[in-house]
C-alpha atoms as a PDB file:
ATOM      1  CA  UNK A   1     -18.415   9.242  28.260  1.00  0.00           C
ATOM      2  CA  UNK A   2     -17.919   6.991  25.228  1.00  0.00           C
ATOM      3  CA  UNK A   3     -15.059   4.531  24.986  1.00  0.00           C
ATOM      4  CA  UNK A   4     -12.359   5.578  22.493  1.00  0.00           C
ATOM      5  CA  UNK A   5     -12.212   3.739  19.165  1.00  0.00           C
ATOM      6  CA  UNK A   6      -9.454   1.120  19.638  1.00  0.00           C
ATOM      7  CA  UNK A   7      -8.177   1.627  16.077  1.00  0.00           C
ATOM      8  CA  UNK A   8      -7.902   5.387  16.584  1.00  0.00           C
ATOM      9  CA  UNK A   9      -5.999   4.746  19.812  1.00  0.00           C
ATOM     10  CA  UNK A  10      -3.645   2.424  17.925  1.00  0.00           C
ATOM     11  CA  UNK A  11      -3.180   4.931  15.086  1.00  0.00           C
ATOM     12  CA  UNK A  12      -2.237   7.597  17.611  1.00  0.00           C
ATOM     13  CA  UNK A  13       0.465   5.259  18.940  1.00  0.00           C
ATOM     14  CA  UNK A  14       1.692   4.473  15.408  1.00  0.00           C
ATOM     15  CA  UNK A  15       1.880   8.143  14.434  1.00  0.00           C
ATOM     16  CA  UNK A  16       3.880   8.858  17.580  1.00  0.00           C
ATOM     17  CA  UNK A  17       6.322   6.005  16.994  1.00  0.00           C
ATOM     18  CA  UNK A  18      10.021   6.896  17.042  1.00  0.00           C
ATOM     19  CA  UNK A  19      11.376   3.349  17.257  1.00  0.00           C
ATOM     20  CA  UNK A  20      13.629   3.721  14.199  1.00  0.00           C
ATOM     21  CA  UNK A  21      14.614   7.343  14.799  1.00  0.00           C
ATOM     22  CA  UNK A  22      18.355   6.606  14.814  1.00  0.00           C
ATOM     23  CA  UNK A  23      18.126   4.826  11.413  1.00  0.00           C
ATOM     24  CA  UNK A  24      16.117   7.483   9.565  1.00  0.00           C
ATOM     25  CA  UNK A  25      18.115  10.340   7.996  1.00  0.00           C
ATOM     26  CA  UNK A  26      15.070  12.647   7.837  1.00  0.00           C
ATOM     27  CA  UNK A  27      13.528  11.555  11.128  1.00  0.00           C
ATOM     28  CA  UNK A  28      10.227   9.869  11.921  1.00  0.00           C
ATOM     29  CA  UNK A  29       7.001  10.833  10.203  1.00  0.00           C
ATOM     30  CA  UNK A  30       4.729   7.778  10.001  1.00  0.00           C
ATOM     31  CA  UNK A  31       2.393   8.045   7.011  1.00  0.00           C
ATOM     32  CA  UNK A  32      -0.682   5.808   6.732  1.00  0.00           C
ATOM     33  CA  UNK A  33      -4.465   5.923   6.435  1.00  0.00           C
ATOM     34  CA  UNK A  34      -6.777   3.464   8.151  1.00  0.00           C
ATOM     35  CA  UNK A  35     -10.356   2.825   9.167  1.00  0.00           C
ATOM     36  CA  UNK A  36     -12.090  -0.369  10.234  1.00  0.00           C
ATOM     37  CA  UNK A  37     -14.887   0.508   7.749  1.00  0.00           C
ATOM     38  CA  UNK A  38     -12.779   0.477   4.552  1.00  0.00           C
ATOM     39  CA  UNK A  39     -13.152  -2.427   2.114  1.00  0.00           C
ATOM     40  CA  UNK A  40     -10.017  -1.623   0.083  1.00  0.00           C
ATOM     41  CA  UNK A  41      -6.446  -1.905   1.328  1.00  0.00           C
ATOM     42  CA  UNK A  42      -3.374  -0.580  -0.485  1.00  0.00           C
ATOM     43  CA  UNK A  43      -0.048  -2.009   0.723  1.00  0.00           C
ATOM     44  CA  UNK A  44       3.043  -0.273  -0.618  1.00  0.00           C
ATOM     45  CA  UNK A  45       6.688  -0.260   0.437  1.00  0.00           C
ATOM     46  CA  UNK A  46       7.485   2.936   2.358  1.00  0.00           C
ATOM     47  CA  UNK A  47       6.950   6.662   1.818  1.00  0.00           C
ATOM     48  CA  UNK A  48       9.263   8.433  -0.613  1.00  0.00           C
ATOM     49  CA  UNK A  49      10.800  11.849  -0.063  1.00  0.00           C
ATOM     50  CA  UNK A  50       7.754  13.768  -1.426  1.00  0.00           C
ATOM     51  CA  UNK A  51       5.332  11.790   0.724  1.00  0.00           C
ATOM     52  CA  UNK A  52       7.541  12.338   3.776  1.00  0.00           C
ATOM     53  CA  UNK A  53       7.496  16.086   3.108  1.00  0.00           C
ATOM     54  CA  UNK A  54       3.686  16.311   2.834  1.00  0.00           C
ATOM     55  CA  UNK A  55       2.610  13.499   5.165  1.00  0.00           C
ATOM     56  CA  UNK A  56       0.099  12.369   2.502  1.00  0.00           C
ATOM     57  CA  UNK A  57       0.441   8.769   1.231  1.00  0.00           C
ATOM     58  CA  UNK A  58       1.042   8.302  -2.510  1.00  0.00           C
ATOM     59  CA  UNK A  59       1.069  12.076  -2.998  1.00  0.00           C
ATOM     60  CA  UNK A  60       3.462  11.784  -5.947  1.00  0.00           C
ATOM     61  CA  UNK A  61       3.586  10.539  -9.576  1.00  0.00           C
ATOM     62  CA  UNK A  62       3.376   6.928  -8.327  1.00  0.00           C
ATOM     63  CA  UNK A  63       0.108   7.797  -6.626  1.00  0.00           C
ATOM     64  CA  UNK A  64      -1.234   9.459  -9.777  1.00  0.00           C
ATOM     65  CA  UNK A  65      -0.619   6.282 -11.768  1.00  0.00           C
ATOM     66  CA  UNK A  66      -2.005   4.049  -9.016  1.00  0.00           C
ATOM     67  CA  UNK A  67      -5.228   6.067  -8.910  1.00  0.00           C
ATOM     68  CA  UNK A  68      -5.444   5.804 -12.720  1.00  0.00           C
ATOM     69  CA  UNK A  69      -5.036   2.036 -12.484  1.00  0.00           C
ATOM     70  CA  UNK A  70      -7.728   1.875  -9.799  1.00  0.00           C
ATOM     71  CA  UNK A  71     -10.055   4.181 -11.744  1.00  0.00           C
ATOM     72  CA  UNK A  72     -10.681   6.495  -8.772  1.00  0.00           C
ATOM     73  CA  UNK A  73     -10.091  10.155  -7.979  1.00  0.00           C
ATOM     74  CA  UNK A  74      -8.099  11.698  -5.129  1.00  0.00           C
ATOM     75  CA  UNK A  75     -11.182  12.313  -2.979  1.00  0.00           C
ATOM     76  CA  UNK A  76     -12.075   8.628  -3.069  1.00  0.00           C
ATOM     77  CA  UNK A  77      -8.472   7.533  -2.578  1.00  0.00           C
ATOM     78  CA  UNK A  78      -8.003   9.721   0.485  1.00  0.00           C
ATOM     79  CA  UNK A  79     -11.306   8.809   2.136  1.00  0.00           C
ATOM     80  CA  UNK A  80     -10.257   6.500   5.010  1.00  0.00           C
ATOM     81  CA  UNK A  81     -13.756   5.079   5.285  1.00  0.00           C
ATOM     82  CA  UNK A  82     -13.345   3.705   1.740  1.00  0.00           C
ATOM     83  CA  UNK A  83      -9.644   2.907   1.458  1.00  0.00           C
ATOM     84  CA  UNK A  84      -6.853   1.918   3.847  1.00  0.00           C
ATOM     85  CA  UNK A  85      -3.239   2.748   2.961  1.00  0.00           C
ATOM     86  CA  UNK A  86      -0.866   0.769   5.157  1.00  0.00           C
ATOM     87  CA  UNK A  87       2.657   0.463   3.721  1.00  0.00           C
ATOM     88  CA  UNK A  88       5.250  -2.003   4.965  1.00  0.00           C
ATOM     89  CA  UNK A  89       7.209   0.862   6.480  1.00  0.00           C
ATOM     90  CA  UNK A  90       5.548   4.068   7.638  1.00  0.00           C
ATOM     91  CA  UNK A  91       8.564   6.401   7.512  1.00  0.00           C
ATOM     92  CA  UNK A  92      10.828   7.485   4.667  1.00  0.00           C
ATOM     93  CA  UNK A  93      13.886   5.181   4.942  1.00  0.00           C
ATOM     94  CA  UNK A  94      16.344   7.392   3.050  1.00  0.00           C
ATOM     95  CA  UNK A  95      18.096   6.974  -0.273  1.00  0.00           C
ATOM     96  CA  UNK A  96      20.609   4.322  -1.325  1.00  0.00           C
ATOM     97  CA  UNK A  97      22.727   3.863  -4.446  1.00  0.00           C
ATOM     98  CA  UNK A  98      19.845   2.751  -6.660  1.00  0.00           C
ATOM     99  CA  UNK A  99      16.875   4.555  -5.166  1.00  0.00           C
ATOM    100  CA  UNK A 100      15.058   4.601  -1.839  1.00  0.00           C
ATOM    101  CA  UNK A 101      16.252   2.167   0.828  1.00  0.00           C
ATOM    102  CA  UNK A 102      13.997  -0.739   1.862  1.00  0.00           C
ATOM    103  CA  UNK A 103      11.354  -0.132   4.524  1.00  0.00           C
ATOM    104  CA  UNK A 104      12.647  -0.596   8.050  1.00  0.00           C
ATOM    105  CA  UNK A 105      11.732  -4.171   9.095  1.00  0.00           C
ATOM    106  CA  UNK A 106      10.881  -3.136  12.664  1.00  0.00           C
ATOM    107  CA  UNK A 107       7.821  -1.263  11.430  1.00  0.00           C
ATOM    108  CA  UNK A 108       5.955  -4.312  10.116  1.00  0.00           C
ATOM    109  CA  UNK A 109       7.032  -6.415  13.091  1.00  0.00           C
ATOM    110  CA  UNK A 110       5.734  -3.861  15.580  1.00  0.00           C
ATOM    111  CA  UNK A 111       2.605  -2.531  13.946  1.00  0.00           C
ATOM    112  CA  UNK A 112       1.357  -4.755  11.143  1.00  0.00           C
ATOM    113  CA  UNK A 113      -0.304  -7.537  13.196  1.00  0.00           C
ATOM    114  CA  UNK A 114      -2.323  -5.190  15.438  1.00  0.00           C
ATOM    115  CA  UNK A 115      -3.335  -2.975  12.505  1.00  0.00           C
ATOM    116  CA  UNK A 116      -4.387  -5.926  10.342  1.00  0.00           C
ATOM    117  CA  UNK A 117      -6.565  -7.106  13.211  1.00  0.00           C
ATOM    118  CA  UNK A 118      -8.781  -4.071  12.593  1.00  0.00           C
ATOM    119  CA  UNK A 119      -9.054  -4.584   8.801  1.00  0.00           C
ATOM    120  CA  UNK A 120     -12.023  -6.923   9.145  1.00  0.00           C
ATOM    121  CA  UNK A 121     -14.072  -5.493   6.257  1.00  0.00           C
ATOM    122  CA  UNK A 122     -11.316  -5.480   3.622  1.00  0.00           C
ATOM    123  CA  UNK A 123     -12.425  -7.285   0.455  1.00  0.00           C
ATOM    124  CA  UNK A 124      -9.463  -6.467  -1.813  1.00  0.00           C
ATOM    125  CA  UNK A 125      -5.806  -5.886  -0.947  1.00  0.00           C
ATOM    126  CA  UNK A 126      -3.516  -4.329  -3.558  1.00  0.00           C
ATOM    127  CA  UNK A 127      -0.020  -5.681  -2.911  1.00  0.00           C
ATOM    128  CA  UNK A 128       2.733  -3.451  -4.320  1.00  0.00           C
ATOM    129  CA  UNK A 129       6.420  -4.304  -4.289  1.00  0.00           C
ATOM    130  CA  UNK A 130       8.717  -7.044  -3.004  1.00  0.00           C
ATOM    131  CA  UNK A 131       8.337  -6.426   0.729  1.00  0.00           C
ATOM    132  CA  UNK A 132       4.557  -6.267   0.520  1.00  0.00           C
ATOM    133  CA  UNK A 133       4.543  -9.449  -1.584  1.00  0.00           C
ATOM    134  CA  UNK A 134       6.764 -11.249   0.923  1.00  0.00           C
ATOM    135  CA  UNK A 135       4.386 -10.376   3.766  1.00  0.00           C
ATOM    136  CA  UNK A 136       0.988 -10.744   2.074  1.00  0.00           C
ATOM    137  CA  UNK A 137       1.673 -13.482  -0.522  1.00  0.00           C
ATOM    138  CA  UNK A 138       4.632 -15.255   1.092  1.00  0.00           C
ATOM    139  CA  UNK A 139       5.505 -18.708  -0.186  1.00  0.00           C
ATOM    140  CA  UNK A 140       2.704 -18.577  -2.765  1.00  0.00           C
ATOM    141  CA  UNK A 141       4.558 -15.965  -4.841  1.00  0.00           C
ATOM    142  CA  UNK A 142       6.350 -16.995  -8.025  1.00  0.00           C
ATOM    143  CA  UNK A 143      10.065 -16.683  -8.767  1.00  0.00           C
ATOM    144  CA  UNK A 144       9.755 -13.205 -10.261  1.00  0.00           C
ATOM    145  CA  UNK A 145       7.458 -10.219  -9.890  1.00  0.00           C
ATOM    146  CA  UNK A 146       6.363 -10.618 -13.511  1.00  0.00           C
ATOM    147  CA  UNK A 147       5.326 -14.244 -12.941  1.00  0.00           C
ATOM    148  CA  UNK A 148       3.499 -13.326  -9.745  1.00  0.00           C
ATOM    149  CA  UNK A 149       1.582 -10.534 -11.496  1.00  0.00           C
ATOM    150  CA  UNK A 150       0.858 -12.756 -14.526  1.00  0.00           C
ATOM    151  CA  UNK A 151      -0.611 -15.441 -12.246  1.00  0.00           C
ATOM    152  CA  UNK A 152      -2.914 -12.922 -10.583  1.00  0.00           C
ATOM    153  CA  UNK A 153      -5.918 -15.262 -10.623  1.00  0.00           C
ATOM    154  CA  UNK A 154      -4.251 -17.471  -7.984  1.00  0.00           C
ATOM    155  CA  UNK A 155      -4.607 -14.659  -5.423  1.00  0.00           C
ATOM    156  CA  UNK A 156      -7.858 -13.175  -6.710  1.00  0.00           C
ATOM    157  CA  UNK A 157     -10.428 -12.034  -5.612  1.00  0.00           C
ATOM    158  CA  UNK A 158      -8.940 -11.184  -2.182  1.00  0.00           C
ATOM    159  CA  UNK A 159      -5.564  -9.877  -3.363  1.00  0.00           C
ATOM    160  CA  UNK A 160      -3.976  -8.436  -6.480  1.00  0.00           C
ATOM    161  CA  UNK A 161      -0.225  -8.049  -6.901  1.00  0.00           C
ATOM    162  CA  UNK A 162       0.761  -4.917  -8.812  1.00  0.00           C
ATOM    163  CA  UNK A 163       4.097  -3.745 -10.172  1.00  0.00           C
ATOM    164  CA  UNK A 164       5.178  -0.536  -8.508  1.00  0.00           C
ATOM    165  CA  UNK A 165       3.414   2.409 -10.216  1.00  0.00           C
ATOM    166  CA  UNK A 166       6.619   4.474 -10.095  1.00  0.00           C
ATOM    167  CA  UNK A 167       7.815   6.128 -13.339  1.00  0.00           C
ATOM    168  CA  UNK A 168      10.930   3.985 -12.838  1.00  0.00           C
ATOM    169  CA  UNK A 169       8.793   1.028 -13.932  1.00  0.00           C
ATOM    170  CA  UNK A 170       7.899   2.487 -17.342  1.00  0.00           C
ATOM    171  CA  UNK A 171      10.197  -0.016 -19.054  1.00  0.00           C
ATOM    172  CA  UNK A 172       8.482  -2.952 -17.309  1.00  0.00           C
ATOM    173  CA  UNK A 173       5.091  -1.634 -18.395  1.00  0.00           C
ATOM    174  CA  UNK A 174       6.251  -1.286 -22.011  1.00  0.00           C
ATOM    175  CA  UNK A 175       7.601  -4.844 -21.972  1.00  0.00           C
ATOM    176  CA  UNK A 176       4.420  -6.231 -20.392  1.00  0.00           C
ATOM    177  CA  UNK A 177       1.514  -4.485 -22.142  1.00  0.00           C
ATOM    178  CA  UNK A 178      -0.823  -7.339 -21.110  1.00  0.00           C
ATOM    179  CA  UNK A 179      -0.835  -5.942 -17.565  1.00  0.00           C
ATOM    180  CA  UNK A 180      -2.647  -2.699 -18.375  1.00  0.00           C
ATOM    181  CA  UNK A 181      -4.662  -4.245 -21.213  1.00  0.00           C
ATOM    182  CA  UNK A 182      -5.957  -7.319 -19.362  1.00  0.00           C
ATOM    183  CA  UNK A 183      -5.703  -6.798 -15.603  1.00  0.00           C
ATOM    184  CA  UNK A 184      -6.469  -3.104 -15.097  1.00  0.00           C
ATOM    185  CA  UNK A 185     -10.043  -3.288 -16.502  1.00  0.00           C
ATOM    186  CA  UNK A 186     -10.793  -6.210 -14.147  1.00  0.00           C
ATOM    187  CA  UNK A 187      -9.306  -4.307 -11.214  1.00  0.00           C
ATOM    188  CA  UNK A 188     -11.353  -1.195 -12.004  1.00  0.00           C
ATOM    189  CA  UNK A 189     -14.588  -3.177 -12.253  1.00  0.00           C
ATOM    190  CA  UNK A 190     -13.902  -4.889  -8.936  1.00  0.00           C
ATOM    191  CA  UNK A 191     -13.229  -1.536  -7.249  1.00  0.00           C
ATOM    192  CA  UNK A 192     -16.406  -0.037  -8.725  1.00  0.00           C
ATOM    193  CA  UNK A 193     -18.391  -2.992  -7.347  1.00  0.00           C
ATOM    194  CA  UNK A 194     -16.863  -2.623  -3.887  1.00  0.00           C
ATOM    195  CA  UNK A 195     -17.337   1.143  -3.737  1.00  0.00           C
ATOM    196  CA  UNK A 196     -20.945   0.861  -4.905  1.00  0.00           C
ATOM    197  CA  UNK A 197     -21.635  -1.332  -1.865  1.00  0.00           C
ATOM    198  CA  UNK A 198     -19.651   0.842   0.575  1.00  0.00           C
END
């Protein structure tokens, strides 16, 4: 009898978590993708309503744009041996006055340290959104998201901060054309290099 994979044991616990049940209007449905073999890590905020309904991370227009930015197709994106998807909150937090509520803080406190302990082969982490930036960049972030993204070379080649790929950010993208013109080609080349070696 073989010993169970410790990461798979942990993922089973995460997917069964109901710690925030009383705070979640649509109930618990942790959504993530993880393997200790993957060299890419995507860190978002928390699942939206569509992702909660399907149980598939980034299965929405934000995911379509993110995959375009990364230069990969859905099969590659959803291959856990190539790419980890570990948001700051695993369950849909509900909707507030100006969009989805923030990820529940208990999620990262409970699960992030043990999960990150298994991400030993990750070569590039894509950090998306304020809560992911606070955790993964911390005091090294700049005063604004735009400044943090513009100073991407300070975190490279291990991390890259991205604006959220949501259609709600179309205005930001129009105001900052340098992002897609200058940074996306570098990101795509880096991902091609990593995947070629995977």
